[in-house]
């Protein structure tokens, strides 16, 4: 499956999503160091140890208060894309 089908980036960063623009079995996260970009990724990534590491970093930095209104991942967009690309190849 192509990465573009698994990982979808939206230009709506900063806007709260509604559930109609997120396919079943996926969830939205916000990624980036200064400018946050929205990605829609499969829920199955939550089981992956490398993704769980990102979630731990997010918890350490934000706790349960995510300023974007959704889960915010504190890493560079490039790192996130590399990680999700490797998960998609599995």
PDB file of N, CA and C in Angstrom:
ATOM      1  N   UNK A   1       0.851  -1.179   0.000  1.00  0.00           N
ATOM      2  CA  UNK A   1       0.000   0.000   0.000  1.00  0.00           C
ATOM      3  C   UNK A   1       0.894   1.237   0.000  1.00  0.00           C
ATOM      4  N   UNK A   2       0.564   2.219  -0.783  1.00  0.00           N
ATOM      5  CA  UNK A   2       1.371   3.426  -0.904  1.00  0.00           C
ATOM      6  C   UNK A   2       1.294   4.254   0.364  1.00  0.00           C
ATOM      7  N   UNK A   3       2.402   4.877   0.701  1.00  0.00           N
ATOM      8  CA  UNK A   3       2.455   5.702   1.906  1.00  0.00           C
ATOM      9  C   UNK A   3       1.432   6.826   1.847  1.00  0.00           C
ATOM     10  N   UNK A   4       1.139   7.331   0.666  1.00  0.00           N
ATOM     11  CA  UNK A   4       0.165   8.421   0.558  1.00  0.00           C
ATOM     12  C   UNK A   4      -1.228   7.975   0.982  1.00  0.00           C
ATOM     13  N   UNK A   5      -1.536   6.679   0.848  1.00  0.00           N
ATOM     14  CA  UNK A   5      -2.831   6.186   1.295  1.00  0.00           C
ATOM     15  C   UNK A   5      -2.856   5.978   2.799  1.00  0.00           C
ATOM     16  N   UNK A   6      -1.708   5.679   3.389  1.00  0.00           N
ATOM     17  CA  UNK A   6      -1.636   5.414   4.818  1.00  0.00           C
ATOM     18  C   UNK A   6      -1.443   6.697   5.607  1.00  0.00           C
ATOM     19  N   UNK A   7      -0.615   7.561   5.115  1.00  0.00           N
ATOM     20  CA  UNK A   7      -0.273   8.787   5.828  1.00  0.00           C
ATOM     21  C   UNK A   7      -0.788   9.962   5.020  1.00  0.00           C
ATOM     22  N   UNK A   8      -1.783  10.627   5.542  1.00  0.00           N
ATOM     23  CA  UNK A   8      -2.390  11.748   4.815  1.00  0.00           C
ATOM     24  C   UNK A   8      -2.142  13.017   5.578  1.00  0.00           C
ATOM     25  N   UNK A   9      -1.556  13.983   4.907  1.00  0.00           N
ATOM     26  CA  UNK A   9      -1.283  15.265   5.547  1.00  0.00           C
ATOM     27  C   UNK A   9      -2.343  16.250   5.120  1.00  0.00           C
ATOM     28  N   UNK A  10      -2.810  17.005   6.074  1.00  0.00           N
ATOM     29  CA  UNK A  10      -3.835  17.996   5.797  1.00  0.00           C
ATOM     30  C   UNK A  10      -3.264  19.380   6.023  1.00  0.00           C
ATOM     31  N   UNK A  11      -3.704  20.337   5.241  1.00  0.00           N
ATOM     32  CA  UNK A  11      -3.252  21.713   5.426  1.00  0.00           C
ATOM     33  C   UNK A  11      -4.081  22.431   6.469  1.00  0.00           C
ATOM     34  N   UNK A  12      -4.912  21.707   7.193  1.00  0.00           N
ATOM     35  CA  UNK A  12      -5.789  22.327   8.173  1.00  0.00           C
ATOM     36  C   UNK A  12      -5.181  22.375   9.566  1.00  0.00           C
ATOM     37  N   UNK A  13      -3.871  22.438   9.682  1.00  0.00           N
ATOM     38  CA  UNK A  13      -3.233  22.516  10.993  1.00  0.00           C
ATOM     39  C   UNK A  13      -3.794  23.698  11.753  1.00  0.00           C
ATOM     40  N   UNK A  14      -4.068  23.461  13.007  1.00  0.00           N
ATOM     41  CA  UNK A  14      -4.610  24.517  13.839  1.00  0.00           C
ATOM     42  C   UNK A  14      -6.118  24.495  13.912  1.00  0.00           C
ATOM     43  N   UNK A  15      -6.762  23.764  13.025  1.00  0.00           N
ATOM     44  CA  UNK A  15      -8.212  23.641  13.062  1.00  0.00           C
ATOM     45  C   UNK A  15      -8.553  22.289  13.658  1.00  0.00           C
ATOM     46  N   UNK A  16      -9.554  22.259  14.445  1.00  0.00           N
ATOM     47  CA  UNK A  16      -9.992  20.988  15.003  1.00  0.00           C
ATOM     48  C   UNK A  16     -10.685  20.196  13.907  1.00  0.00           C
ATOM     49  N   UNK A  17     -10.367  18.926  13.855  1.00  0.00           N
ATOM     50  CA  UNK A  17     -10.991  18.102  12.821  1.00  0.00           C
ATOM     51  C   UNK A  17     -12.319  17.584  13.340  1.00  0.00           C
ATOM     52  N   UNK A  18     -13.171  17.261  12.420  1.00  0.00           N
ATOM     53  CA  UNK A  18     -14.360  16.539  12.829  1.00  0.00           C
ATOM     54  C   UNK A  18     -14.192  15.110  12.363  1.00  0.00           C
ATOM     55  N   UNK A  19     -14.976  14.237  12.920  1.00  0.00           N
ATOM     56  CA  UNK A  19     -14.766  12.820  12.662  1.00  0.00           C
ATOM     57  C   UNK A  19     -15.068  12.423  11.226  1.00  0.00           C
ATOM     58  N   UNK A  20     -15.714  13.258  10.455  1.00  0.00           N
ATOM     59  CA  UNK A  20     -16.047  12.881   9.087  1.00  0.00           C
ATOM     60  C   UNK A  20     -14.849  12.924   8.147  1.00  0.00           C
ATOM     61  N   UNK A  21     -13.776  13.617   8.510  1.00  0.00           N
ATOM     62  CA  UNK A  21     -12.619  13.661   7.618  1.00  0.00           C
ATOM     63  C   UNK A  21     -11.518  12.682   8.036  1.00  0.00           C
ATOM     64  N   UNK A  22     -11.825  11.817   9.000  1.00  0.00           N
ATOM     65  CA  UNK A  22     -10.866  10.806   9.439  1.00  0.00           C
ATOM     66  C   UNK A  22     -11.471   9.436   9.149  1.00  0.00           C
ATOM     67  N   UNK A  23     -10.809   8.658   8.291  1.00  0.00           N
ATOM     68  CA  UNK A  23     -11.353   7.336   7.958  1.00  0.00           C
ATOM     69  C   UNK A  23     -11.417   6.425   9.187  1.00  0.00           C
ATOM     70  N   UNK A  24     -12.328   5.502   9.160  1.00  0.00           N
ATOM     71  CA  UNK A  24     -12.448   4.524  10.239  1.00  0.00           C
ATOM     72  C   UNK A  24     -11.122   3.789  10.400  1.00  0.00           C
ATOM     73  N   UNK A  25     -10.697   3.610  11.645  1.00  0.00           N
ATOM     74  CA  UNK A  25      -9.439   2.919  11.917  1.00  0.00           C
ATOM     75  C   UNK A  25      -8.224   3.830  11.875  1.00  0.00           C
ATOM     76  N   UNK A  26      -8.422   5.137  11.832  1.00  0.00           N
ATOM     77  CA  UNK A  26      -7.341   6.119  11.785  1.00  0.00           C
ATOM     78  C   UNK A  26      -7.572   7.183  12.851  1.00  0.00           C
ATOM     79  N   UNK A  27      -6.548   7.980  13.115  1.00  0.00           N
ATOM     80  CA  UNK A  27      -6.680   9.121  14.011  1.00  0.00           C
ATOM     81  C   UNK A  27      -5.739  10.223  13.566  1.00  0.00           C
ATOM     82  N   UNK A  28      -6.020  11.432  14.015  1.00  0.00           N
ATOM     83  CA  UNK A  28      -5.219  12.591  13.618  1.00  0.00           C
ATOM     84  C   UNK A  28      -4.210  12.927  14.705  1.00  0.00           C
ATOM     85  N   UNK A  29      -3.020  13.317  14.263  1.00  0.00           N
ATOM     86  CA  UNK A  29      -1.989  13.835  15.162  1.00  0.00           C
ATOM     87  C   UNK A  29      -1.421  15.103  14.546  1.00  0.00           C
ATOM     88  N   UNK A  30      -0.853  15.942  15.392  1.00  0.00           N
ATOM     89  CA  UNK A  30      -0.187  17.166  14.940  1.00  0.00           C
ATOM     90  C   UNK A  30       1.293  17.007  15.208  1.00  0.00           C
ATOM     91  N   UNK A  31       2.102  17.295  14.192  1.00  0.00           N
ATOM     92  CA  UNK A  31       3.538  17.036  14.244  1.00  0.00           C
ATOM     93  C   UNK A  31       4.293  18.269  13.797  1.00  0.00           C
ATOM     94  N   UNK A  32       5.414  18.520  14.443  1.00  0.00           N
ATOM     95  CA  UNK A  32       6.291  19.603  14.031  1.00  0.00           C
ATOM     96  C   UNK A  32       6.875  20.317  15.217  1.00  0.00           C
ATOM     97  N   UNK A  33       7.953  21.009  14.974  1.00  0.00           N
ATOM     98  CA  UNK A  33       8.627  21.705  16.062  1.00  0.00           C
ATOM     99  C   UNK A  33       8.085  23.116  16.234  1.00  0.00           C
ATOM    100  N   UNK A  34       7.966  23.860  15.169  1.00  0.00           N
ATOM    101  CA  UNK A  34       7.395  25.207  15.293  1.00  0.00           C
ATOM    102  C   UNK A  34       6.011  25.240  14.643  1.00  0.00           C
ATOM    103  N   UNK A  35       5.942  24.972  13.355  1.00  0.00           N
ATOM    104  CA  UNK A  35       4.652  24.906  12.674  1.00  0.00           C
ATOM    105  C   UNK A  35       4.148  23.476  12.721  1.00  0.00           C
ATOM    106  N   UNK A  36       2.967  23.279  13.242  1.00  0.00           N
ATOM    107  CA  UNK A  36       2.398  21.932  13.371  1.00  0.00           C
ATOM    108  C   UNK A  36       1.611  21.570  12.116  1.00  0.00           C
ATOM    109  N   UNK A  37       1.813  20.348  11.654  1.00  0.00           N
ATOM    110  CA  UNK A  37       1.074  19.830  10.506  1.00  0.00           C
ATOM    111  C   UNK A  37       0.250  18.645  10.977  1.00  0.00           C
ATOM    112  N   UNK A  38      -0.894  18.494  10.379  1.00  0.00           N
ATOM    113  CA  UNK A  38      -1.822  17.435  10.768  1.00  0.00           C
ATOM    114  C   UNK A  38      -1.614  16.219   9.869  1.00  0.00           C
ATOM    115  N   UNK A  39      -1.525  15.043  10.498  1.00  0.00           N
ATOM    116  CA  UNK A  39      -1.403  13.773   9.797  1.00  0.00           C
ATOM    117  C   UNK A  39      -2.504  12.841  10.275  1.00  0.00           C
ATOM    118  N   UNK A  40      -3.036  12.052   9.385  1.00  0.00           N
ATOM    119  CA  UNK A  40      -4.012  11.029   9.725  1.00  0.00           C
ATOM    120  C   UNK A  40      -3.326   9.687   9.524  1.00  0.00           C
ATOM    121  N   UNK A  41      -3.250   8.912  10.606  1.00  0.00           N
ATOM    122  CA  UNK A  41      -2.497   7.661  10.575  1.00  0.00           C
ATOM    123  C   UNK A  41      -3.346   6.505  11.100  1.00  0.00           C
ATOM    124  N   UNK A  42      -2.982   5.274  10.752  1.00  0.00           N
ATOM    125  CA  UNK A  42      -3.739   4.109  11.217  1.00  0.00           C
ATOM    126  C   UNK A  42      -3.608   3.905  12.734  1.00  0.00           C
ATOM    127  N   UNK A  43      -4.680   3.483  13.350  1.00  0.00           N
ATOM    128  CA  UNK A  43      -4.670   3.191  14.782  1.00  0.00           C
ATOM    129  C   UNK A  43      -3.672   2.080  15.099  1.00  0.00           C
ATOM    130  N   UNK A  44      -3.412   1.201  14.158  1.00  0.00           N
ATOM    131  CA  UNK A  44      -2.486   0.081  14.391  1.00  0.00           C
ATOM    132  C   UNK A  44      -1.097   0.551  14.795  1.00  0.00           C
ATOM    133  N   UNK A  45      -0.731   1.783  14.453  1.00  0.00           N
ATOM    134  CA  UNK A  45       0.582   2.309  14.840  1.00  0.00           C
ATOM    135  C   UNK A  45       0.723   2.429  16.349  1.00  0.00           C
ATOM    136  N   UNK A  46      -0.384   2.494  17.066  1.00  0.00           N
ATOM    137  CA  UNK A  46      -0.329   2.609  18.527  1.00  0.00           C
ATOM    138  C   UNK A  46       0.317   1.390  19.170  1.00  0.00           C
ATOM    139  N   UNK A  47       0.333   0.260  18.479  1.00  0.00           N
ATOM    140  CA  UNK A  47       0.938  -0.961  19.004  1.00  0.00           C
ATOM    141  C   UNK A  47       2.436  -1.045  18.755  1.00  0.00           C
ATOM    142  N   UNK A  48       2.973  -0.152  17.956  1.00  0.00           N
ATOM    143  CA  UNK A  48       4.382  -0.207  17.566  1.00  0.00           C
ATOM    144  C   UNK A  48       5.265   0.465  18.618  1.00  0.00           C
ATOM    145  N   UNK A  49       6.317  -0.231  19.084  1.00  0.00           N
ATOM    146  CA  UNK A  49       7.201   0.339  20.110  1.00  0.00           C
ATOM    147  C   UNK A  49       7.799   1.694  19.720  1.00  0.00           C
ATOM    148  N   UNK A  50       8.183   1.864  18.465  1.00  0.00           N
ATOM    149  CA  UNK A  50       8.778   3.141  18.055  1.00  0.00           C
ATOM    150  C   UNK A  50       7.752   4.275  18.131  1.00  0.00           C
ATOM    151  N   UNK A  51       6.491   3.981  17.826  1.00  0.00           N
ATOM    152  CA  UNK A  51       5.455   4.999  17.930  1.00  0.00           C
ATOM    153  C   UNK A  51       5.118   5.257  19.394  1.00  0.00           C
ATOM    154  N   UNK A  52       5.154   4.210  20.205  1.00  0.00           N
ATOM    155  CA  UNK A  52       4.910   4.372  21.631  1.00  0.00           C
ATOM    156  C   UNK A  52       5.958   5.276  22.278  1.00  0.00           C
ATOM    157  N   UNK A  53       7.190   5.223  21.777  1.00  0.00           N
ATOM    158  CA  UNK A  53       8.231   6.137  22.262  1.00  0.00           C
ATOM    159  C   UNK A  53       7.838   7.590  22.007  1.00  0.00           C
ATOM    160  N   UNK A  54       7.295   7.859  20.820  1.00  0.00           N
ATOM    161  CA  UNK A  54       6.831   9.223  20.517  1.00  0.00           C
ATOM    162  C   UNK A  54       5.695   9.633  21.445  1.00  0.00           C
ATOM    163  N   UNK A  55       4.814   8.696  21.752  1.00  0.00           N
ATOM    164  CA  UNK A  55       3.709   9.002  22.665  1.00  0.00           C
ATOM    165  C   UNK A  55       4.221   9.335  24.064  1.00  0.00           C
ATOM    166  N   UNK A  56       5.256   8.637  24.501  1.00  0.00           N
ATOM    167  CA  UNK A  56       5.865   8.938  25.811  1.00  0.00           C
ATOM    168  C   UNK A  56       6.467  10.338  25.807  1.00  0.00           C
ATOM    169  N   UNK A  57       7.136  10.705  24.713  1.00  0.00           N
ATOM    170  CA  UNK A  57       7.698  12.058  24.603  1.00  0.00           C
ATOM    171  C   UNK A  57       6.587  13.100  24.636  1.00  0.00           C
ATOM    172  N   UNK A  58       5.488  12.793  23.974  1.00  0.00           N
ATOM    173  CA  UNK A  58       4.351  13.704  23.955  1.00  0.00           C
ATOM    174  C   UNK A  58       3.779  13.878  25.359  1.00  0.00           C
ATOM    175  N   UNK A  59       3.664  12.777  26.083  1.00  0.00           N
ATOM    176  CA  UNK A  59       3.149  12.837  27.455  1.00  0.00           C
ATOM    177  C   UNK A  59       4.071  13.655  28.350  1.00  0.00           C
ATOM    178  N   UNK A  60       5.390  13.465  28.191  1.00  0.00           N
ATOM    179  CA  UNK A  60       6.351  14.224  28.997  1.00  0.00           C
ATOM    180  C   UNK A  60       6.268  15.719  28.711  1.00  0.00           C
ATOM    181  N   UNK A  61       6.096  16.084  27.456  1.00  0.00           N
ATOM    182  CA  UNK A  61       6.082  17.496  27.082  1.00  0.00           C
ATOM    183  C   UNK A  61       4.740  18.167  27.324  1.00  0.00           C
ATOM    184  N   UNK A  62       3.656  17.487  27.007  1.00  0.00           N
ATOM    185  CA  UNK A  62       2.335  18.118  27.053  1.00  0.00           C
ATOM    186  C   UNK A  62       1.412  17.565  28.130  1.00  0.00           C
ATOM    187  N   UNK A  63       1.735  16.419  28.713  1.00  0.00           N
ATOM    188  CA  UNK A  63       0.784  15.778  29.615  1.00  0.00           C
ATOM    189  C   UNK A  63      -0.459  15.432  28.823  1.00  0.00           C
ATOM    190  N   UNK A  64      -1.606  15.810  29.343  1.00  0.00           N
ATOM    191  CA  UNK A  64      -2.844  15.568  28.617  1.00  0.00           C
ATOM    192  C   UNK A  64      -3.436  16.864  28.088  1.00  0.00           C
ATOM    193  N   UNK A  65      -2.638  17.920  28.071  1.00  0.00           N
ATOM    194  CA  UNK A  65      -3.077  19.218  27.576  1.00  0.00           C
ATOM    195  C   UNK A  65      -2.410  19.468  26.222  1.00  0.00           C
ATOM    196  N   UNK A  66      -3.115  19.150  25.152  1.00  0.00           N
ATOM    197  CA  UNK A  66      -2.566  19.304  23.813  1.00  0.00           C
ATOM    198  C   UNK A  66      -3.100  20.586  23.190  1.00  0.00           C
ATOM    199  N   UNK A  67      -2.222  21.546  22.926  1.00  0.00           N
ATOM    200  CA  UNK A  67      -2.641  22.871  22.489  1.00  0.00           C
ATOM    201  C   UNK A  67      -3.362  22.908  21.147  1.00  0.00           C
ATOM    202  N   UNK A  68      -3.188  21.905  20.310  1.00  0.00           N
ATOM    203  CA  UNK A  68      -3.820  21.909  18.991  1.00  0.00           C
ATOM    204  C   UNK A  68      -5.235  21.336  19.032  1.00  0.00           C
ATOM    205  N   UNK A  69      -5.661  20.855  20.189  1.00  0.00           N
ATOM    206  CA  UNK A  69      -6.977  20.250  20.282  1.00  0.00           C
ATOM    207  C   UNK A  69      -6.971  18.784  19.912  1.00  0.00           C
ATOM    208  N   UNK A  70      -5.820  18.250  19.571  1.00  0.00           N
ATOM    209  CA  UNK A  70      -5.642  16.840  19.242  1.00  0.00           C
ATOM    210  C   UNK A  70      -4.274  16.416  19.727  1.00  0.00           C
ATOM    211  N   UNK A  71      -3.942  15.171  19.551  1.00  0.00           N
ATOM    212  CA  UNK A  71      -2.660  14.648  20.002  1.00  0.00           C
ATOM    213  C   UNK A  71      -1.523  15.351  19.265  1.00  0.00           C
ATOM    214  N   UNK A  72      -0.604  15.927  20.015  1.00  0.00           N
ATOM    215  CA  UNK A  72       0.550  16.631  19.447  1.00  0.00           C
ATOM    216  C   UNK A  72       1.806  15.811  19.699  1.00  0.00           C
ATOM    217  N   UNK A  73       2.553  15.543  18.646  1.00  0.00           N
ATOM    218  CA  UNK A  73       3.788  14.761  18.728  1.00  0.00           C
ATOM    219  C   UNK A  73       4.969  15.724  18.619  1.00  0.00           C
ATOM    220  N   UNK A  74       5.828  15.800  19.647  1.00  0.00           N
ATOM    221  CA  UNK A  74       6.944  16.759  19.634  1.00  0.00           C
ATOM    222  C   UNK A  74       8.187  16.218  18.923  1.00  0.00           C
ATOM    223  N   UNK A  75       8.128  16.166  17.600  1.00  0.00           N
ATOM    224  CA  UNK A  75       9.295  15.763  16.819  1.00  0.00           C
ATOM    225  C   UNK A  75       9.234  16.482  15.481  1.00  0.00           C
ATOM    226  N   UNK A  76      10.306  16.395  14.734  1.00  0.00           N
ATOM    227  CA  UNK A  76      10.318  17.044  13.424  1.00  0.00           C
ATOM    228  C   UNK A  76       9.406  16.282  12.462  1.00  0.00           C
ATOM    229  N   UNK A  77       8.900  17.001  11.502  1.00  0.00           N
ATOM    230  CA  UNK A  77       8.051  16.388  10.485  1.00  0.00           C
ATOM    231  C   UNK A  77       8.821  15.307   9.730  1.00  0.00           C
ATOM    232  N   UNK A  78      10.094  15.564   9.422  1.00  0.00           N
ATOM    233  CA  UNK A  78      10.914  14.577   8.695  1.00  0.00           C
ATOM    234  C   UNK A  78      11.067  13.278   9.480  1.00  0.00           C
ATOM    235  N   UNK A  79      11.342  13.387  10.782  1.00  0.00           N
ATOM    236  CA  UNK A  79      11.476  12.196  11.621  1.00  0.00           C
ATOM    237  C   UNK A  79      10.169  11.412  11.651  1.00  0.00           C
ATOM    238  N   UNK A  80       9.061  12.112  11.789  1.00  0.00           N
ATOM    239  CA  UNK A  80       7.755  11.463  11.833  1.00  0.00           C
ATOM    240  C   UNK A  80       7.466  10.740  10.520  1.00  0.00           C
ATOM    241  N   UNK A  81       7.743  11.372   9.418  1.00  0.00           N
ATOM    242  CA  UNK A  81       7.513  10.747   8.102  1.00  0.00           C
ATOM    243  C   UNK A  81       8.409   9.529   7.928  1.00  0.00           C
ATOM    244  N   UNK A  82       9.667   9.627   8.354  1.00  0.00           N
ATOM    245  CA  UNK A  82      10.560   8.466   8.266  1.00  0.00           C
ATOM    246  C   UNK A  82      10.011   7.301   9.091  1.00  0.00           C
ATOM    247  N   UNK A  83       9.573   7.596  10.311  1.00  0.00           N
ATOM    248  CA  UNK A  83       9.043   6.550  11.190  1.00  0.00           C
ATOM    249  C   UNK A  83       7.795   5.909  10.600  1.00  0.00           C
ATOM    250  N   UNK A  84       6.853   6.723  10.192  1.00  0.00           N
ATOM    251  CA  UNK A  84       5.599   6.165   9.660  1.00  0.00           C
ATOM    252  C   UNK A  84       5.814   5.454   8.324  1.00  0.00           C
ATOM    253  N   UNK A  85       6.774   5.914   7.552  1.00  0.00           N
ATOM    254  CA  UNK A  85       7.096   5.219   6.294  1.00  0.00           C
ATOM    255  C   UNK A  85       7.628   3.827   6.574  1.00  0.00           C
ATOM    256  N   UNK A  86       8.484   3.695   7.590  1.00  0.00           N
ATOM    257  CA  UNK A  86       9.018   2.373   7.934  1.00  0.00           C
ATOM    258  C   UNK A  86       7.921   1.479   8.495  1.00  0.00           C
ATOM    259  N   UNK A  87       6.989   2.046   9.253  1.00  0.00           N
ATOM    260  CA  UNK A  87       5.875   1.246   9.773  1.00  0.00           C
ATOM    261  C   UNK A  87       4.948   0.792   8.648  1.00  0.00           C
ATOM    262  N   UNK A  88       4.773   1.623   7.640  1.00  0.00           N
ATOM    263  CA  UNK A  88       3.892   1.278   6.525  1.00  0.00           C
ATOM    264  C   UNK A  88       4.451   0.135   5.678  1.00  0.00           C
ATOM    265  N   UNK A  89       5.762  -0.023   5.665  1.00  0.00           N
ATOM    266  CA  UNK A  89       6.395  -1.072   4.863  1.00  0.00           C
ATOM    267  C   UNK A  89       6.283  -2.449   5.517  1.00  0.00           C
ATOM    268  N   UNK A  90       5.848  -2.496   6.747  1.00  0.00           N
ATOM    269  CA  UNK A  90       5.772  -3.785   7.463  1.00  0.00           C
ATOM    270  C   UNK A  90       4.601  -4.595   7.026  1.00  0.00           C
TER     271      UNK A  90
END
